[in-house]
């Protein structure tokens, strides 16, 4: 089972802790009684003071009861150990969920009950650290928290079934092969702790591709050419993009011309659908198909001359992207995949991108447009987005 974010966030750890205290007291009390039986009953019986056929039969009964008591102890210890590790695991999961919530609050992000992080609708984005950076970090923590909780559920909950093996009559757990229990419990606990540690301590990747530095804004007075360029882009420029169906490029251009500097949200799903090469890059980030939490780190995507979408080319050209997600298998081997993709791009001109040309004439040159920011007629901004996919529908696969 893969719990959602709300289940992990709202889980009452106190219930587990209360159950653990009960079983710990029971285990210790039972151990004392076993030792008391050994000292007060078995030892006197074995001191050779009993003799005869009746004594032999009595000794057999005494030792049989002792064997039953001894064989019952591993079941008690199994429940106690499983509860102890489950507490540690769920505490780690909730700590990750709390960290995600705290990061979201600091950056104005939203998190729904399913654990999907959303970007703020309003506000100014830090040029070097826009909200999508925090959103992807928080999303990763949520996947980690859910995967840790799922590990506890898969590995430890079955051990708690030993609590149901105790009966009020003579059909107790001693009749089963209790000698195998310590090994199975130790193996499950060690595997659980290893997975929890590996998942919770998954390092945050560095960002090897720093984005464009801020360009000087409003450091020059606009001249007649700048005013004409701005008017041209307000009318003909936007109309040109609309006529070609470049609606995303047009929306970003309009935001730039509005001169507010406010961030603009885009949908990475639209970009994945429009650019097959980008889609393959995203899907290849989960190519291993091994169970666990994944983080691709930030990568640069640049179409070069192989432009698959003029809309997104004139909107972004190149951009940064990151995937975080998880793969989980159920008991029947079915694969569950969930992942989130974040993108970011400083919307600027002057960087390598083709001029808009019509009938062999440059309609809008990069340097011409860049100067509108310099003269404060338009303003650069951060474009960013995050999308969530999963679980994959039946029949869908990860394409290599």
Protein backbone atom coordinates (compact mmCIF):
# COMPACT_ATOMS: atom_id res chain seq x y z
CA UNK A 1 0.00 0.00 0.00
CA UNK A 2 1.21 3.51 -0.81
CA UNK A 3 -0.40 5.99 1.61
CA UNK A 4 -1.19 9.52 0.56
CA UNK A 5 0.31 12.60 2.15
CA UNK A 6 -2.67 13.33 4.42
CA UNK A 7 -2.55 9.81 5.88
CA UNK A 8 1.12 10.17 6.77
CA UNK A 9 0.72 13.74 8.03
CA UNK A 10 -2.27 12.93 10.26
CA UNK A 11 -1.11 9.52 11.47
CA UNK A 12 -1.39 9.24 15.26
CA UNK A 13 2.03 8.06 16.37
CA UNK A 14 0.69 7.92 19.91
CA UNK A 15 -1.38 4.83 19.09
CA UNK A 16 1.76 2.91 18.08
CA UNK A 17 3.65 4.18 21.10
CA UNK A 18 0.84 3.14 23.44
CA UNK A 19 0.68 -0.34 21.88
CA UNK A 20 4.45 -0.65 22.12
CA UNK A 21 4.44 0.22 25.83
CA UNK A 22 1.74 -2.41 26.45
CA UNK A 23 3.57 -5.17 24.57
CA UNK A 24 6.90 -4.21 26.13
CA UNK A 25 5.41 -4.57 29.62
CA UNK A 26 3.80 -7.84 28.59
CA UNK A 27 7.04 -9.19 27.13
CA UNK A 28 9.05 -8.27 30.21
CA UNK A 29 6.42 -9.64 32.56
CA UNK A 30 6.25 -12.89 30.59
CA UNK A 31 10.05 -13.23 30.63
CA UNK A 32 10.00 -12.83 34.41
CA UNK A 33 7.34 -15.52 34.70
CA UNK A 34 9.30 -17.89 32.46
CA UNK A 35 12.38 -17.39 34.62
CA UNK A 36 10.29 -17.80 37.78
CA UNK A 37 8.87 -21.08 36.41
CA UNK A 38 12.38 -22.29 35.62
CA UNK A 39 13.66 -21.49 39.11
CA UNK A 40 10.62 -22.49 41.17
CA UNK A 41 9.35 -25.47 39.20
CA UNK A 42 11.81 -26.95 36.72
CA UNK A 43 14.93 -26.68 38.89
CA UNK A 44 13.36 -28.44 41.94
CA UNK A 45 11.91 -31.14 39.68
CA UNK A 46 15.31 -31.78 38.13
CA UNK A 47 17.22 -32.01 41.41
CA UNK A 48 16.71 -35.79 41.56
CA UNK A 49 14.38 -35.56 44.57
CA UNK A 50 11.61 -36.99 42.44
CA UNK A 51 11.83 -40.63 41.49
CA UNK A 52 9.64 -43.39 40.14
CA UNK A 53 7.29 -43.73 37.19
CA UNK A 54 4.97 -40.97 38.42
CA UNK A 55 7.94 -38.64 38.84
CA UNK A 56 9.09 -39.28 35.29
CA UNK A 57 5.61 -38.50 33.95
CA UNK A 58 5.44 -35.37 36.11
CA UNK A 59 8.82 -34.18 34.92
CA UNK A 60 7.66 -34.65 31.34
CA UNK A 61 4.62 -32.44 31.94
CA UNK A 62 6.69 -29.80 33.74
CA UNK A 63 9.24 -29.62 30.92
CA UNK A 64 6.47 -29.56 28.31
CA UNK A 65 4.94 -26.50 29.94
CA UNK A 66 8.38 -24.90 30.12
CA UNK A 67 8.95 -25.56 26.44
CA UNK A 68 5.63 -23.98 25.60
CA UNK A 69 6.49 -20.89 27.62
CA UNK A 70 9.91 -20.62 26.03
CA UNK A 71 8.48 -21.09 22.54
CA UNK A 72 5.93 -18.34 23.16
CA UNK A 73 8.53 -15.68 23.99
CA UNK A 74 9.72 -15.06 20.40
CA UNK A 75 6.17 -14.13 19.39
CA UNK A 76 5.95 -11.52 22.10
CA UNK A 77 9.39 -10.20 21.23
CA UNK A 78 8.47 -10.12 17.52
CA UNK A 79 5.48 -7.87 18.15
CA UNK A 80 7.48 -5.60 20.45
CA UNK A 81 10.39 -5.32 18.01
CA UNK A 82 8.09 -4.68 15.05
CA UNK A 83 6.27 -1.94 16.93
CA UNK A 84 9.54 -0.34 17.99
CA UNK A 85 10.82 -0.19 14.40
CA UNK A 86 7.42 0.93 13.09
CA UNK A 87 7.52 3.87 15.50
CA UNK A 88 10.96 4.88 14.25
CA UNK A 89 9.86 4.55 10.64
CA UNK A 90 6.64 6.52 10.98
CA UNK A 91 8.44 9.18 13.03
CA UNK A 92 10.92 9.56 10.15
CA UNK A 93 8.07 9.73 7.64
CA UNK A 94 6.23 12.39 9.62
CA UNK A 95 9.42 14.40 10.06
CA UNK A 96 9.83 14.48 6.28
CA UNK A 97 6.18 15.48 5.86
CA UNK A 98 6.60 18.25 8.44
CA UNK A 99 9.74 19.54 6.70
CA UNK A 100 7.85 19.65 3.41
CA UNK A 101 5.02 21.59 5.05
CA UNK A 102 7.43 24.04 6.65
CA UNK A 103 9.24 24.62 3.35
CA UNK A 104 5.90 25.15 1.63
CA UNK A 105 4.83 27.75 4.18
CA UNK A 106 8.12 29.63 3.86
CA UNK A 107 7.71 29.94 0.09
CA UNK A 108 3.95 30.35 -0.21
CA UNK A 109 3.41 26.90 -1.71
CA UNK A 110 0.31 24.74 -1.40
CA UNK A 111 0.12 21.01 -0.65
CA UNK A 112 -3.11 19.09 -1.15
CA UNK A 113 -4.08 15.95 0.76
CA UNK A 114 -2.71 13.73 -1.99
CA UNK A 115 0.68 15.36 -1.53
CA UNK A 116 0.82 17.45 -4.72
CA UNK A 117 2.76 20.67 -4.28
CA UNK A 118 1.47 23.79 -6.05
CA UNK A 119 3.17 27.07 -6.85
CA UNK A 120 1.89 30.40 -5.49
CA UNK A 121 -0.47 32.32 -7.75
CA UNK A 122 0.93 35.71 -6.85
CA UNK A 123 4.15 37.17 -5.55
CA UNK A 124 7.60 38.03 -6.80
CA UNK A 125 10.02 35.22 -7.59
CA UNK A 126 13.59 35.39 -6.36
CA UNK A 127 15.65 35.49 -9.53
CA UNK A 128 18.29 33.03 -8.30
CA UNK A 129 15.97 30.88 -6.18
CA UNK A 130 12.40 30.90 -7.56
CA UNK A 131 9.57 29.10 -5.72
CA UNK A 132 9.76 26.09 -8.06
CA UNK A 133 13.10 25.18 -6.45
CA UNK A 134 11.43 24.91 -3.05
CA UNK A 135 8.41 23.20 -4.61
CA UNK A 136 10.53 20.41 -6.05
CA UNK A 137 12.44 20.01 -2.79
CA UNK A 138 9.17 19.79 -0.83
CA UNK A 139 7.70 17.37 -3.37
CA UNK A 140 10.71 15.11 -2.98
CA UNK A 141 10.26 15.11 0.82
CA UNK A 142 6.63 14.09 0.38
CA UNK A 143 7.57 11.17 -1.88
CA UNK A 144 10.20 10.15 0.67
CA UNK A 145 7.69 10.34 3.54
CA UNK A 146 5.11 8.26 1.67
CA UNK A 147 7.66 5.66 0.60
CA UNK A 148 9.00 5.29 4.15
CA UNK A 149 5.44 4.84 5.47
CA UNK A 150 4.75 2.27 2.75
CA UNK A 151 7.90 0.37 3.76
CA UNK A 152 6.72 0.23 7.36
CA UNK A 153 3.36 -1.05 6.16
CA UNK A 154 4.87 -3.70 3.87
CA UNK A 155 7.68 -4.98 6.08
CA UNK A 156 6.48 -4.59 9.64
CA UNK A 157 2.69 -4.83 9.70
CA UNK A 158 2.84 -8.56 8.78
CA UNK A 159 4.93 -9.12 11.92
CA UNK A 160 2.20 -7.58 14.04
CA UNK A 161 0.00 -10.50 13.00
CA UNK A 162 1.88 -12.50 15.62
CA UNK A 163 -0.25 -10.65 18.14
CA UNK A 164 -3.24 -12.66 16.88
CA UNK A 165 -1.62 -16.05 17.55
CA UNK A 166 -2.29 -16.05 21.30
CA UNK A 167 -5.30 -18.10 22.38
CA UNK A 168 -6.92 -18.55 25.78
CA UNK A 169 -6.72 -22.36 25.51
CA UNK A 170 -3.89 -24.77 24.74
CA UNK A 171 -3.69 -23.78 21.05
CA UNK A 172 -1.09 -21.08 21.48
CA UNK A 173 1.79 -20.05 19.25
CA UNK A 174 4.08 -22.59 20.85
CA UNK A 175 2.62 -25.14 18.44
CA UNK A 176 4.19 -23.31 15.50
CA UNK A 177 7.85 -23.24 14.47
CA UNK A 178 8.88 -20.35 16.66
CA UNK A 179 12.60 -21.04 16.16
CA UNK A 180 12.33 -19.30 12.77
CA UNK A 181 10.81 -16.13 14.18
CA UNK A 182 13.94 -14.36 15.49
CA UNK A 183 15.67 -14.65 12.12
CA UNK A 184 12.62 -13.47 10.14
CA UNK A 185 12.05 -10.53 12.47
CA UNK A 186 15.70 -9.52 12.45
CA UNK A 187 15.78 -9.70 8.66
CA UNK A 188 12.62 -7.61 8.29
CA UNK A 189 13.77 -5.00 10.79
CA UNK A 190 17.23 -4.68 9.25
CA UNK A 191 15.77 -4.38 5.76
CA UNK A 192 13.25 -1.78 6.93
CA UNK A 193 15.87 0.30 8.71
CA UNK A 194 18.13 0.16 5.66
CA UNK A 195 15.36 1.33 3.32
CA UNK A 196 14.28 4.09 5.70
CA UNK A 197 17.83 5.36 6.10
CA UNK A 198 18.53 5.23 2.35
CA UNK A 199 15.27 6.98 1.50
CA UNK A 200 15.29 9.61 4.23
CA UNK A 201 18.90 10.56 3.58
CA UNK A 202 18.63 10.81 -0.22
CA UNK A 203 20.90 13.80 -0.92
CA UNK A 204 19.73 16.97 -2.59
CA UNK A 205 21.43 17.35 -5.96
CA UNK A 206 23.49 20.39 -6.80
CA UNK A 207 22.43 22.66 -9.62
CA UNK A 208 25.27 22.52 -12.16
CA UNK A 209 23.53 24.79 -14.66
CA UNK A 210 23.14 28.27 -13.19
CA UNK A 211 20.59 30.39 -15.01
CA UNK A 212 21.03 33.79 -16.59
CA UNK A 213 22.15 36.56 -14.28
CA UNK A 214 19.76 39.51 -13.88
CA UNK A 215 20.10 42.11 -16.59
CA UNK A 216 20.30 45.82 -15.66
CA UNK A 217 16.78 47.24 -15.48
CA UNK A 218 15.84 50.89 -16.00
CA UNK A 219 19.40 52.13 -16.29
CA UNK A 220 18.76 54.03 -19.53
CA UNK A 221 16.05 56.37 -20.77
CA UNK A 222 13.97 55.01 -23.64
CA UNK A 223 14.47 56.57 -27.04
CA UNK A 224 12.14 56.81 -30.03
CA UNK A 225 13.37 53.45 -31.33
CA UNK A 226 12.56 51.78 -28.00
CA UNK A 227 9.08 53.30 -27.92
CA UNK A 228 8.44 52.15 -31.46
CA UNK A 229 9.71 48.64 -30.69
CA UNK A 230 7.46 48.37 -27.65
CA UNK A 231 4.41 49.51 -29.62
CA UNK A 232 5.26 47.11 -32.42
CA UNK A 233 5.46 44.17 -30.04
CA UNK A 234 2.24 45.16 -28.28
CA UNK A 235 0.33 45.09 -31.53
CA UNK A 236 2.01 43.16 -34.31
CA UNK A 237 4.21 40.96 -32.12
CA UNK A 238 1.41 39.49 -30.06
CA UNK A 239 -0.84 39.18 -33.10
CA UNK A 240 1.94 37.39 -34.98
CA UNK A 241 2.27 34.75 -32.26
CA UNK A 242 -1.46 34.28 -31.97
CA UNK A 243 -1.78 33.85 -35.73
CA UNK A 244 0.79 31.06 -35.62
CA UNK A 245 -0.88 29.35 -32.68
CA UNK A 246 2.04 30.09 -30.36
CA UNK A 247 -0.20 30.74 -27.39
CA UNK A 248 2.34 29.99 -24.67
CA UNK A 249 4.94 32.18 -26.32
CA UNK A 250 2.33 34.92 -26.70
CA UNK A 251 1.27 34.70 -23.05
CA UNK A 252 4.87 35.02 -21.84
CA UNK A 253 5.55 37.90 -24.22
CA UNK A 254 2.43 39.70 -22.98
CA UNK A 255 3.58 39.23 -19.38
CA UNK A 256 6.97 40.67 -20.29
CA UNK A 257 5.45 43.67 -22.05
CA UNK A 258 3.19 44.28 -19.02
CA UNK A 259 6.40 45.36 -17.24
CA UNK A 260 5.48 43.99 -13.79
CA UNK A 261 8.31 41.49 -13.35
CA UNK A 262 5.83 39.05 -11.79
CA UNK A 263 6.46 35.32 -12.37
CA UNK A 264 4.39 33.38 -14.85
CA UNK A 265 3.25 29.78 -14.37
CA UNK A 266 3.50 27.24 -17.18
CA UNK A 267 2.39 23.61 -17.39
CA UNK A 268 5.23 21.09 -17.86
CA UNK A 269 2.68 18.52 -19.11
CA UNK A 270 2.03 20.75 -22.12
CA UNK A 271 5.76 20.94 -22.78
CA UNK A 272 6.14 17.16 -22.49
CA UNK A 273 3.29 16.65 -24.96
CA UNK A 274 4.68 19.20 -27.42
CA UNK A 275 8.31 18.04 -27.37
CA UNK A 276 8.87 14.26 -27.69
CA UNK A 277 12.59 14.61 -27.02
CA UNK A 278 11.85 16.33 -23.73
CA UNK A 279 9.28 13.62 -22.93
CA UNK A 280 11.90 10.92 -23.44
CA UNK A 281 14.34 12.77 -21.19
CA UNK A 282 11.74 12.87 -18.43
CA UNK A 283 10.78 9.22 -18.81
CA UNK A 284 14.40 8.10 -18.95
CA UNK A 285 14.88 9.61 -15.50
CA UNK A 286 12.85 6.62 -14.23
CA UNK A 287 14.44 4.10 -16.56
CA UNK A 288 15.93 1.95 -13.76
CA UNK A 289 12.44 0.82 -12.72
CA UNK A 290 13.75 -0.24 -9.31
CA UNK A 291 11.59 0.38 -6.28
CA UNK A 292 12.47 3.61 -4.53
CA UNK A 293 12.46 7.41 -4.64
CA UNK A 294 14.07 9.16 -7.60
CA UNK A 295 15.56 12.62 -8.08
CA UNK A 296 17.02 13.56 -11.45
CA UNK A 297 18.45 16.86 -10.26
CA UNK A 298 18.19 19.95 -12.44
CA UNK A 299 19.07 19.48 -16.11
CA UNK A 300 19.26 21.82 -19.05
CA UNK A 301 17.08 21.17 -22.08
CA UNK A 302 17.96 22.94 -25.31
CA UNK A 303 16.40 22.02 -28.66
CA UNK A 304 19.30 23.40 -30.70
CA UNK A 305 18.30 23.21 -34.35
CA UNK A 306 15.90 20.32 -33.74
CA UNK A 307 12.92 22.50 -32.84
CA UNK A 308 9.88 20.29 -32.12
CA UNK A 309 7.64 23.14 -30.95
CA UNK A 310 7.97 26.68 -32.25
CA UNK A 311 5.56 27.73 -29.51
CA UNK A 312 7.86 26.59 -26.71
CA UNK A 313 10.96 27.58 -28.64
CA UNK A 314 9.88 31.22 -28.78
CA UNK A 315 8.53 30.97 -25.24
CA UNK A 316 11.66 29.45 -23.70
CA UNK A 317 14.25 28.16 -26.16
CA UNK A 318 16.26 26.32 -23.48
CA UNK A 319 15.09 25.76 -19.91
CA UNK A 320 15.89 23.83 -16.73
CA UNK A 321 13.90 20.80 -15.60
CA UNK A 322 13.90 18.35 -12.69
CA UNK A 323 12.00 15.16 -11.90
CA UNK A 324 11.27 13.68 -8.49
CA UNK A 325 9.13 10.60 -8.04
CA UNK A 326 8.81 7.08 -6.80
CA UNK A 327 8.27 3.54 -8.00
CA UNK A 328 6.47 1.04 -5.78
CA UNK A 329 5.55 -2.58 -6.42
CA UNK A 330 2.58 -4.30 -4.82
CA UNK A 331 2.47 -7.88 -3.57
CA UNK A 332 1.42 -9.16 -7.00
CA UNK A 333 4.27 -7.38 -8.79
CA UNK A 334 2.16 -4.53 -10.13
CA UNK A 335 4.08 -1.31 -10.61
CA UNK A 336 2.90 2.03 -9.32
CA UNK A 337 4.72 5.11 -10.63
CA UNK A 338 4.21 8.67 -9.47
CA UNK A 339 6.38 11.61 -10.41
CA UNK A 340 6.47 15.38 -10.57
CA UNK A 341 8.28 17.55 -13.10
CA UNK A 342 9.42 21.09 -12.43
CA UNK A 343 10.62 23.60 -15.02
CA UNK A 344 12.08 27.07 -14.72
CA UNK A 345 13.32 29.74 -17.08
CA UNK A 346 14.36 33.38 -16.70
CA UNK A 347 12.43 35.10 -19.47
CA UNK A 348 15.04 37.34 -21.07
CA UNK A 349 16.15 38.43 -24.51
CA UNK A 350 19.63 38.71 -25.90
CA UNK A 351 20.51 35.06 -25.45
CA UNK A 352 20.80 32.62 -28.38
CA UNK A 353 17.35 32.46 -29.90
CA UNK A 354 16.35 33.11 -33.45
CA UNK A 355 15.05 36.52 -34.45
CA UNK A 356 11.47 36.59 -35.62
CA UNK A 357 11.68 37.01 -39.38
CA UNK A 358 8.85 37.69 -41.84
CA UNK A 359 9.36 37.91 -45.58
CA UNK A 360 13.11 37.99 -45.01
CA UNK A 361 12.88 40.98 -42.68
CA UNK A 362 13.71 40.81 -38.97
CA UNK A 363 10.47 41.64 -37.20
CA UNK A 364 11.95 41.49 -33.70
CA UNK A 365 15.66 41.17 -32.99
CA UNK A 366 17.10 39.86 -29.72
CA UNK A 367 19.17 42.94 -28.92
CA UNK A 368 16.30 45.24 -29.84
CA UNK A 369 14.01 43.50 -27.37
CA UNK A 370 16.67 43.23 -24.70
CA UNK A 371 16.96 47.02 -24.69
CA UNK A 372 13.30 47.38 -23.71
CA UNK A 373 14.19 45.84 -20.33
CA UNK A 374 17.21 48.12 -20.04
CA UNK A 375 15.00 51.17 -20.54
CA UNK A 376 12.20 49.85 -18.25
CA UNK A 377 9.59 49.60 -21.00
CA UNK A 378 9.32 45.85 -20.39
CA UNK A 379 10.65 43.66 -17.62
CA UNK A 380 12.24 40.25 -17.41
CA UNK A 381 10.62 37.68 -15.12
CA UNK A 382 10.76 34.05 -14.00
CA UNK A 383 8.63 31.48 -15.80
CA UNK A 384 8.14 28.30 -13.79
CA UNK A 385 5.87 25.32 -13.49
CA UNK A 386 5.26 21.98 -11.77
CA UNK A 387 3.07 19.08 -12.88
CA UNK A 388 2.21 15.74 -11.32
CA UNK A 389 1.66 12.37 -12.94
CA UNK A 390 0.54 9.19 -11.27
CA UNK A 391 -0.27 6.62 -10.58
CA UNK A 392 0.13 5.64 -14.21
CA UNK A 393 -3.04 4.29 -15.73
CA UNK A 394 -3.28 0.62 -16.61
CA UNK A 395 -1.52 -0.09 -19.85
CA UNK A 396 0.87 2.86 -19.60
CA UNK A 397 4.56 2.11 -19.33
CA UNK A 398 7.78 3.99 -18.82
CA UNK A 399 9.34 4.45 -22.22
CA UNK A 400 13.09 4.06 -22.43
